[in-house]
Amino acid sequence: MTNKFIAHKGSEVIIEWYFNERGESSALKYFEKLSTSRRKKIVHLWYLLGGGVPRLNKEKFRYEGNKIYAIKASQDRFLCFFFDGSKIIMTNAYEKKSAKMPKRVKEKALNARKSYKKRCQEGTYYEKQ
């Protein structure tokens, strides 16, 4: 595995970017476009999650159903899921503009989770990147 996947390597949990079959990561692209101050807020939450903080409050880390979670810093939302208990895979991100998460955003995260699991089982996820 190359380091391009790793967003943060904590003492307990590794946080990774999800890459689709074309080698693109929408979450990473979103992160790279953020201002320095907004990036720092996300990185701080990664630090807490990576250190094994059992649960952040719902204001920062929220279960969205269907094994999808949202890491929340200000108006930025990074959707993710747990894999093998020691990895958090960040699938996509968006800027919150309304009270409800857009349905297509969650569907994208669910599809990424399904693709990631399938490609890992096939042994092709990390090798093709």
C-alpha atoms as a PDB file:
ATOM      1  CA  MET A   1       0.000   0.000   0.000  1.00  0.00           C
ATOM      2  CA  THR A   2       1.262   3.448  -0.873  1.00  0.00           C
ATOM      3  CA  ASN A   3       1.055   6.496   1.343  1.00  0.00           C
ATOM      4  CA  LYS A   4      -1.342   8.230  -1.059  1.00  0.00           C
ATOM      5  CA  PHE A   5      -4.200   6.384   0.621  1.00  0.00           C
ATOM      6  CA  ILE A   6      -3.407   7.575   4.143  1.00  0.00           C
ATOM      7  CA  ALA A   7      -4.966  10.818   5.351  1.00  0.00           C
ATOM      8  CA  HIS A   8      -3.890  10.232   8.964  1.00  0.00           C
ATOM      9  CA  LYS A   9      -2.140   7.387  10.761  1.00  0.00           C
ATOM     10  CA  GLY A  10      -3.094   7.410  14.417  1.00  0.00           C
ATOM     11  CA  SER A  11      -1.929   5.141  17.213  1.00  0.00           C
ATOM     12  CA  GLU A  12      -5.196   3.147  17.073  1.00  0.00           C
ATOM     13  CA  VAL A  13      -6.900   3.916  13.779  1.00  0.00           C
ATOM     14  CA  ILE A  14      -5.733   4.687  10.233  1.00  0.00           C
ATOM     15  CA  ILE A  15      -7.841   7.135   8.254  1.00  0.00           C
ATOM     16  CA  GLU A  16      -7.679   6.602   4.495  1.00  0.00           C
ATOM     17  CA  TRP A  17      -8.996   8.256   1.365  1.00  0.00           C
ATOM     18  CA  TYR A  18     -11.277   6.155  -0.816  1.00  0.00           C
ATOM     19  CA  PHE A  19     -10.234   5.949  -4.481  1.00  0.00           C
ATOM     20  CA  ASN A  20     -12.709   4.866  -7.146  1.00  0.00           C
ATOM     21  CA  GLU A  21     -11.915   2.470 -10.002  1.00  0.00           C
ATOM     22  CA  ARG A  22     -10.459   5.343 -12.041  1.00  0.00           C
ATOM     23  CA  GLY A  23      -8.008   6.220  -9.256  1.00  0.00           C
ATOM     24  CA  GLU A  24      -9.880   9.370  -8.171  1.00  0.00           C
ATOM     25  CA  SER A  25     -10.731  10.447  -4.638  1.00  0.00           C
ATOM     26  CA  SER A  26     -13.516  12.999  -4.360  1.00  0.00           C
ATOM     27  CA  ALA A  27     -12.918  13.386  -0.609  1.00  0.00           C
ATOM     28  CA  LEU A  28      -9.232  14.153  -1.175  1.00  0.00           C
ATOM     29  CA  LYS A  29     -10.063  16.642  -3.947  1.00  0.00           C
ATOM     30  CA  TYR A  30     -12.532  18.381  -1.633  1.00  0.00           C
ATOM     31  CA  PHE A  31      -9.959  18.488   1.198  1.00  0.00           C
ATOM     32  CA  GLU A  32      -7.268  19.956  -1.067  1.00  0.00           C
ATOM     33  CA  LYS A  33      -9.570  22.849  -2.022  1.00  0.00           C
ATOM     34  CA  LEU A  34     -10.257  23.853   1.596  1.00  0.00           C
ATOM     35  CA  SER A  35      -8.621  26.832   3.237  1.00  0.00           C
ATOM     36  CA  THR A  36      -5.845  26.170   5.733  1.00  0.00           C
ATOM     37  CA  SER A  37      -8.079  26.960   8.707  1.00  0.00           C
ATOM     38  CA  ARG A  38     -10.801  24.556   7.529  1.00  0.00           C
ATOM     39  CA  ARG A  39      -8.206  21.832   6.873  1.00  0.00           C
ATOM     40  CA  LYS A  40      -6.848  22.244  10.407  1.00  0.00           C
ATOM     41  CA  LYS A  41     -10.292  21.574  11.884  1.00  0.00           C
ATOM     42  CA  ILE A  42     -10.620  18.308   9.959  1.00  0.00           C
ATOM     43  CA  VAL A  43      -7.068  17.230  10.797  1.00  0.00           C
ATOM     44  CA  HIS A  44      -7.758  17.842  14.484  1.00  0.00           C
ATOM     45  CA  LEU A  45     -10.748  15.479  14.333  1.00  0.00           C
ATOM     46  CA  TRP A  46      -8.628  12.873  12.526  1.00  0.00           C
ATOM     47  CA  TYR A  47      -6.081  13.148  15.321  1.00  0.00           C
ATOM     48  CA  LEU A  48      -8.773  12.406  17.917  1.00  0.00           C
ATOM     49  CA  LEU A  49     -10.289   9.545  15.908  1.00  0.00           C
ATOM     50  CA  GLY A  50      -6.865   8.091  15.081  1.00  0.00           C
ATOM     51  CA  GLY A  51      -5.918   8.043  18.737  1.00  0.00           C
ATOM     52  CA  GLY A  52      -8.847   5.801  19.474  1.00  0.00           C
ATOM     53  CA  VAL A  53     -11.131   8.365  21.073  1.00  0.00           C
ATOM     54  CA  PRO A  54     -14.121   6.063  21.461  1.00  0.00           C
ATOM     55  CA  ARG A  55     -16.782   8.524  20.470  1.00  0.00           C
ATOM     56  CA  LEU A  56     -16.754  12.158  19.574  1.00  0.00           C
ATOM     57  CA  ASN A  57     -19.968  14.005  20.268  1.00  0.00           C
ATOM     58  CA  LYS A  58     -22.642  14.119  17.567  1.00  0.00           C
ATOM     59  CA  GLU A  59     -21.584  17.636  16.714  1.00  0.00           C
ATOM     60  CA  LYS A  60     -18.293  16.282  15.332  1.00  0.00           C
ATOM     61  CA  PHE A  61     -18.900  12.621  14.430  1.00  0.00           C
ATOM     62  CA  ARG A  62     -22.363  11.367  13.630  1.00  0.00           C
ATOM     63  CA  TYR A  63     -23.829   8.030  12.620  1.00  0.00           C
ATOM     64  CA  GLU A  64     -25.882   8.558   9.452  1.00  0.00           C
ATOM     65  CA  GLY A  65     -27.286   5.020   9.161  1.00  0.00           C
ATOM     66  CA  ASN A  66     -26.316   2.080   6.961  1.00  0.00           C
ATOM     67  CA  LYS A  67     -22.825   1.965   8.548  1.00  0.00           C
ATOM     68  CA  ILE A  68     -21.993   5.446   7.212  1.00  0.00           C
ATOM     69  CA  TYR A  69     -20.647   8.197   9.474  1.00  0.00           C
ATOM     70  CA  ALA A  70     -19.999  11.905   8.980  1.00  0.00           C
ATOM     71  CA  ILE A  71     -16.932  13.686  10.305  1.00  0.00           C
ATOM     72  CA  LYS A  72     -18.144  17.251  10.862  1.00  0.00           C
ATOM     73  CA  ALA A  73     -16.049  20.388  11.096  1.00  0.00           C
ATOM     74  CA  SER A  74     -17.826  23.704  10.648  1.00  0.00           C
ATOM     75  CA  GLN A  75     -19.796  23.365   7.428  1.00  0.00           C
ATOM     76  CA  ASP A  76     -17.613  20.565   6.004  1.00  0.00           C
ATOM     77  CA  ARG A  77     -18.842  16.968   6.078  1.00  0.00           C
ATOM     78  CA  PHE A  78     -16.644  13.974   5.273  1.00  0.00           C
ATOM     79  CA  LEU A  79     -18.575  10.735   4.906  1.00  0.00           C
ATOM     80  CA  CYS A  80     -16.821   7.560   5.925  1.00  0.00           C
ATOM     81  CA  PHE A  81     -17.145   4.006   7.153  1.00  0.00           C
ATOM     82  CA  PHE A  82     -15.177   1.660   9.394  1.00  0.00           C
ATOM     83  CA  PHE A  83     -13.316  -1.289   7.896  1.00  0.00           C
ATOM     84  CA  ASP A  84     -11.819  -4.130   9.930  1.00  0.00           C
ATOM     85  CA  GLY A  85     -12.177  -2.057  13.088  1.00  0.00           C
ATOM     86  CA  SER A  86      -8.876  -0.230  12.639  1.00  0.00           C
ATOM     87  CA  LYS A  87      -9.527   1.774   9.480  1.00  0.00           C
ATOM     88  CA  ILE A  88     -11.813   4.642   8.642  1.00  0.00           C
ATOM     89  CA  ILE A  89     -12.297   5.064   4.901  1.00  0.00           C
ATOM     90  CA  MET A  90     -13.364   8.563   3.799  1.00  0.00           C
ATOM     91  CA  THR A  91     -15.532   8.260   0.727  1.00  0.00           C
ATOM     92  CA  ASN A  92     -16.738  11.732  -0.184  1.00  0.00           C
ATOM     93  CA  ALA A  93     -17.281  15.199   1.222  1.00  0.00           C
ATOM     94  CA  TYR A  94     -19.556  18.162   0.838  1.00  0.00           C
ATOM     95  CA  GLU A  95     -20.305  21.577   2.286  1.00  0.00           C
ATOM     96  CA  LYS A  96     -23.426  21.624   4.439  1.00  0.00           C
ATOM     97  CA  LYS A  97     -25.989  24.071   3.135  1.00  0.00           C
ATOM     98  CA  SER A  98     -29.202  22.700   4.636  1.00  0.00           C
ATOM     99  CA  ALA A  99     -30.379  20.757   7.675  1.00  0.00           C
ATOM    100  CA  LYS A 100     -30.592  17.446   5.806  1.00  0.00           C
ATOM    101  CA  MET A 101     -27.829  15.622   4.013  1.00  0.00           C
ATOM    102  CA  PRO A 102     -28.555  15.381   0.282  1.00  0.00           C
ATOM    103  CA  LYS A 103     -29.659  11.837  -0.580  1.00  0.00           C
ATOM    104  CA  ARG A 104     -27.176  11.534  -3.453  1.00  0.00           C
ATOM    105  CA  VAL A 105     -24.287  12.279  -1.066  1.00  0.00           C
ATOM    106  CA  LYS A 106     -25.140   9.337   1.167  1.00  0.00           C
ATOM    107  CA  GLU A 107     -25.769   7.093  -1.850  1.00  0.00           C
ATOM    108  CA  LYS A 108     -22.291   7.935  -3.119  1.00  0.00           C
ATOM    109  CA  ALA A 109     -20.814   6.886   0.237  1.00  0.00           C
ATOM    110  CA  LEU A 110     -22.799   3.630   0.221  1.00  0.00           C
ATOM    111  CA  ASN A 111     -21.663   2.816  -3.313  1.00  0.00           C
ATOM    112  CA  ALA A 112     -18.055   3.559  -2.397  1.00  0.00           C
ATOM    113  CA  ARG A 113     -18.301   1.277   0.657  1.00  0.00           C
ATOM    114  CA  LYS A 114     -19.660  -1.536  -1.481  1.00  0.00           C
ATOM    115  CA  SER A 115     -16.965  -1.041  -4.141  1.00  0.00           C
ATOM    116  CA  TYR A 116     -14.176  -0.837  -1.554  1.00  0.00           C
ATOM    117  CA  LYS A 117     -15.229  -4.065   0.175  1.00  0.00           C
ATOM    118  CA  LYS A 118     -15.601  -5.910  -3.136  1.00  0.00           C
ATOM    119  CA  ARG A 119     -12.257  -4.721  -4.494  1.00  0.00           C
ATOM    120  CA  CYS A 120     -10.499  -5.560  -1.205  1.00  0.00           C
ATOM    121  CA  GLN A 121     -11.946  -9.084  -1.277  1.00  0.00           C
ATOM    122  CA  GLU A 122     -10.725  -9.466  -4.865  1.00  0.00           C
ATOM    123  CA  GLY A 123      -7.299  -8.148  -3.867  1.00  0.00           C
ATOM    124  CA  THR A 124      -7.457  -5.377  -6.457  1.00  0.00           C
ATOM    125  CA  TYR A 125      -8.101  -2.217  -4.451  1.00  0.00           C
ATOM    126  CA  TYR A 126      -4.542  -1.286  -3.428  1.00  0.00           C
ATOM    127  CA  GLU A 127      -2.780  -2.965  -6.321  1.00  0.00           C
ATOM    128  CA  LYS A 128      -4.485  -0.960  -9.076  1.00  0.00           C
ATOM    129  CA  GLN A 129      -3.850   2.468  -7.615  1.00  0.00           C
END
